[in-house]
Amino acid sequence: MKYVTSSRRQLVMATLLGLAIVGAAMRYWAPNPSTARDIGTLLMVMWLPAVGNIIAFAVRQLHKRRS
């Protein structure tokens, strides 16, 4: 099993958030009934794991401070 460093986690987070921004732009400029708009919607969902990761990080930090 690979050891995940903070820099790798930050790179993955930046990539996921970047894909979500690209998806939002695709949805904005694509015509309403189109495949490009559907792909943009799927890419926008990429922010969900990123936010989950941020929340998990905050909870871990909170537990470390209390210990």
C-alpha atoms as a PDB file:
ATOM      1  CA  MET A   1       0.000   0.000   0.000  1.00  0.00           C
ATOM      2  CA  LYS A   2       1.332   3.406  -0.938  1.00  0.00           C
ATOM      3  CA  TYR A   3       1.857   6.114   1.647  1.00  0.00           C
ATOM      4  CA  VAL A   4      -0.156   9.196   0.697  1.00  0.00           C
ATOM      5  CA  THR A   5       1.691  12.428   1.334  1.00  0.00           C
ATOM      6  CA  SER A   6       0.107  15.794   1.864  1.00  0.00           C
ATOM      7  CA  SER A   7       1.433  17.086  -1.471  1.00  0.00           C
ATOM      8  CA  ARG A   8      -0.205  14.196  -3.339  1.00  0.00           C
ATOM      9  CA  ARG A   9      -3.483  14.823  -1.552  1.00  0.00           C
ATOM     10  CA  GLN A  10      -3.302  18.498  -2.458  1.00  0.00           C
ATOM     11  CA  LEU A  11      -2.636  17.621  -6.098  1.00  0.00           C
ATOM     12  CA  VAL A  12      -5.640  15.299  -6.213  1.00  0.00           C
ATOM     13  CA  MET A  13      -7.834  17.935  -4.536  1.00  0.00           C
ATOM     14  CA  ALA A  14      -6.741  20.595  -7.013  1.00  0.00           C
ATOM     15  CA  THR A  15      -7.396  18.231  -9.924  1.00  0.00           C
ATOM     16  CA  LEU A  16     -10.899  17.351  -8.703  1.00  0.00           C
ATOM     17  CA  LEU A  17     -11.817  20.983  -8.124  1.00  0.00           C
ATOM     18  CA  GLY A  18     -10.355  21.935 -11.519  1.00  0.00           C
ATOM     19  CA  LEU A  19     -12.485  19.289 -13.231  1.00  0.00           C
ATOM     20  CA  ALA A  20     -15.548  20.607 -11.428  1.00  0.00           C
ATOM     21  CA  ILE A  21     -14.817  24.127 -12.690  1.00  0.00           C
ATOM     22  CA  VAL A  22     -14.380  22.815 -16.241  1.00  0.00           C
ATOM     23  CA  GLY A  23     -17.699  20.987 -15.892  1.00  0.00           C
ATOM     24  CA  ALA A  24     -19.438  24.162 -14.727  1.00  0.00           C
ATOM     25  CA  ALA A  25     -18.057  26.048 -17.733  1.00  0.00           C
ATOM     26  CA  MET A  26     -19.204  23.266 -20.073  1.00  0.00           C
ATOM     27  CA  ARG A  27     -22.716  23.406 -18.614  1.00  0.00           C
ATOM     28  CA  TYR A  28     -22.809  27.183 -18.902  1.00  0.00           C
ATOM     29  CA  TRP A  29     -21.831  27.368 -22.570  1.00  0.00           C
ATOM     30  CA  ALA A  30     -23.351  24.143 -23.924  1.00  0.00           C
ATOM     31  CA  PRO A  31     -26.841  24.157 -25.452  1.00  0.00           C
ATOM     32  CA  ASN A  32     -29.507  22.744 -23.164  1.00  0.00           C
ATOM     33  CA  PRO A  33     -30.257  19.303 -24.649  1.00  0.00           C
ATOM     34  CA  SER A  34     -26.737  18.147 -25.504  1.00  0.00           C
ATOM     35  CA  THR A  35     -24.169  15.536 -24.587  1.00  0.00           C
ATOM     36  CA  ALA A  36     -21.647  18.244 -23.684  1.00  0.00           C
ATOM     37  CA  ARG A  37     -24.040  19.606 -21.055  1.00  0.00           C
ATOM     38  CA  ASP A  38     -24.507  16.107 -19.612  1.00  0.00           C
ATOM     39  CA  ILE A  39     -20.739  15.565 -19.417  1.00  0.00           C
ATOM     40  CA  GLY A  40     -20.404  18.963 -17.737  1.00  0.00           C
ATOM     41  CA  THR A  41     -22.944  17.854 -15.140  1.00  0.00           C
ATOM     42  CA  LEU A  42     -20.957  14.705 -14.435  1.00  0.00           C
ATOM     43  CA  LEU A  43     -17.741  16.701 -14.088  1.00  0.00           C
ATOM     44  CA  MET A  44     -19.414  19.093 -11.664  1.00  0.00           C
ATOM     45  CA  VAL A  45     -20.019  16.157  -9.337  1.00  0.00           C
ATOM     46  CA  MET A  46     -16.225  15.941  -8.866  1.00  0.00           C
ATOM     47  CA  TRP A  47     -16.379  18.571  -6.115  1.00  0.00           C
ATOM     48  CA  LEU A  48     -18.228  16.143  -3.799  1.00  0.00           C
ATOM     49  CA  PRO A  49     -15.230  13.908  -2.968  1.00  0.00           C
ATOM     50  CA  ALA A  50     -13.066  17.013  -2.613  1.00  0.00           C
ATOM     51  CA  VAL A  51     -15.415  18.525  -0.032  1.00  0.00           C
ATOM     52  CA  GLY A  52     -15.633  15.177   1.757  1.00  0.00           C
ATOM     53  CA  ASN A  53     -11.853  15.065   1.922  1.00  0.00           C
ATOM     54  CA  ILE A  54     -11.704  18.597   3.354  1.00  0.00           C
ATOM     55  CA  ILE A  55     -14.276  17.709   6.036  1.00  0.00           C
ATOM     56  CA  ALA A  56     -12.396  14.520   6.958  1.00  0.00           C
ATOM     57  CA  PHE A  57      -9.159  16.518   7.247  1.00  0.00           C
ATOM     58  CA  ALA A  58     -10.826  19.081   9.527  1.00  0.00           C
ATOM     59  CA  VAL A  59     -12.254  16.344  11.775  1.00  0.00           C
ATOM     60  CA  ARG A  60      -8.823  14.666  12.041  1.00  0.00           C
ATOM     61  CA  GLN A  61      -7.212  17.966  12.989  1.00  0.00           C
ATOM     62  CA  LEU A  62      -9.888  18.587  15.602  1.00  0.00           C
ATOM     63  CA  HIS A  63      -9.306  15.171  17.164  1.00  0.00           C
ATOM     64  CA  LYS A  64      -5.527  15.728  17.206  1.00  0.00           C
ATOM     65  CA  ARG A  65      -5.932  19.037  19.061  1.00  0.00           C
ATOM     66  CA  ARG A  66      -8.208  17.494  21.688  1.00  0.00           C
ATOM     67  CA  SER A  67      -5.811  14.595  22.353  1.00  0.00           C
END
